[in-house]
Amino acid sequence: MRQFMWKEAVAPAKWLGLAAALALCGCSTINGYLEPVPTFEGAPGTTHVEMVVATTRTRSENPALLFGGGRAAEPAFADMIVSIPPDANRTIGQVQWPKQLPGNPETDFVTLKADVINKDQAIGAFDRLLRESNKSEAMVYVHGFNERYENTVYGFAQILHDSGALGEVAPVLFTWPSKGNVFAYGYDRESANYSRDALERLLQYLVKEPKVKKITILAHSMGNWVTLEALRQMAIRDKRIDPKIALVLLADPDVDVDVSREQIAAMGPNRPHIALFVSEDDRALAASKQLWGAPRLGAINPDIEPYKSMLERENITVINLTAFPSHDSFNHGKFAEDPKVVELIGRSLANGQALTNSQVGFGEKIMETTASAATSVGHAAGLAISAPVAIVDPDTREHLGDQVDELTDSVAHIGPQKEP
């Protein structure tokens, strides 16, 4: 989703290539993004995004950082408000980081509120956001590897705004202890393990809250590991996953394919609807495959065996983003970069629908497309939906109109790739 800049002198070439490809976030050389700044009256068109945060990170001594990368004995909570600049001043799908502090709300993401609160206050803030939303739905975001706290907050704010989900759901960020350091992959992986019980407890609270009618989980990269583990534990402990957890979006999962199959199977037959975002050209997951010695779920070719049969058997919707461009040279995080992909996520939430599963017969189109980022990056690419599943429900197709049909022929030459 975000880029990481490297100087070649920091590591030997072989390790440098692996480590750079595993880098997911754009950690800056300046700190203090979370120091609240007053709004500028002369900045019309800004959008304010509020979220409740649950975290297993330790508190930072620096109030401008709020939370660090250490592992806390007990979860902590925060109430965050982020200001997003007018759409005319930004690129959809990206976070506009301030080049200096304080940031300018006209052009930058800036923090308006950063309050560490207790559990009861967090429940109160969540109840308020739930009342203010159009539907009684919660959306939980679980981030990936190499993410500092401010990256998780700003990244989730960007997704909520650009997807159109803002105002439709009550946003909850679950952030686990990442060092925010490309060389701390092992530490981050163990931190994800450390946090699975806390995520399960958060989901249990949301399930038991009578005002919550539906829960959607969006996980990215290594965050898919802690998400699948928490859901697996819940299914084992409760003999099922509560039907309120209706939709799980697995974006670029850095999870062993075989392990993920067992995690999903352990959830039982009445599991949530699962939508999987994959990109076969994901260089970060290619590096992870090299590190672990096994294919990662987020980089498989869903049209070849044994993956095709597995996905069909488990009734998993696949959104193949291989043909999409990326601002990130590692092609990791395309789901949040392309405005039309993000819009499809937002529309499914806004319409109260899961990402639909529809059988596609022989001779019928199996590739549905959107206009991609043609207006913003000058590239028309396809959203390839692996047979026999489709992302484009009737309402979305009607909304996109002729753009879907017009672009289908232009990308129809893109065929399945072989698994390396």
Foldseek 3Di string as FASTA:
>chain_A
DAADDDDCVPDPPVVVLLLRLQADHHDDPDFQLQVADDADPPQPQKDKAKAKEKEQFDADPDVSQGGAQHGHPDIWMWIWIKIAAHPVQDAQLDAADAPDPPRHSNRHIGTNGIGTDHPVVSVVVLVVLCVQAPALEEEEEEEAALDRPVRQVRVVRSLCVLQVVVSHHHYYYYYWRHNSDSVCPVVVLVRLVVCLVVVLVVLVVLLPPVSRQAYEYEYFACSVVSVLSNLLVCCVVVVADDCNDAEYEYALYLAFPVVSLVSLVSRDLSHHAYEYEAAQQQSSQVSSCVVVVGHGPRNDQCQDPPNVVSCVVNVHWYWYCNFADDPYPRPGSVCSRWSVSSNLVSVCSNVVHYQDFDADDPPGDQWWAAQTNCVPPVDGTGGGTHPPGDRQDPVNCVVRDCRRVVCCVVHVVDDTDDDD
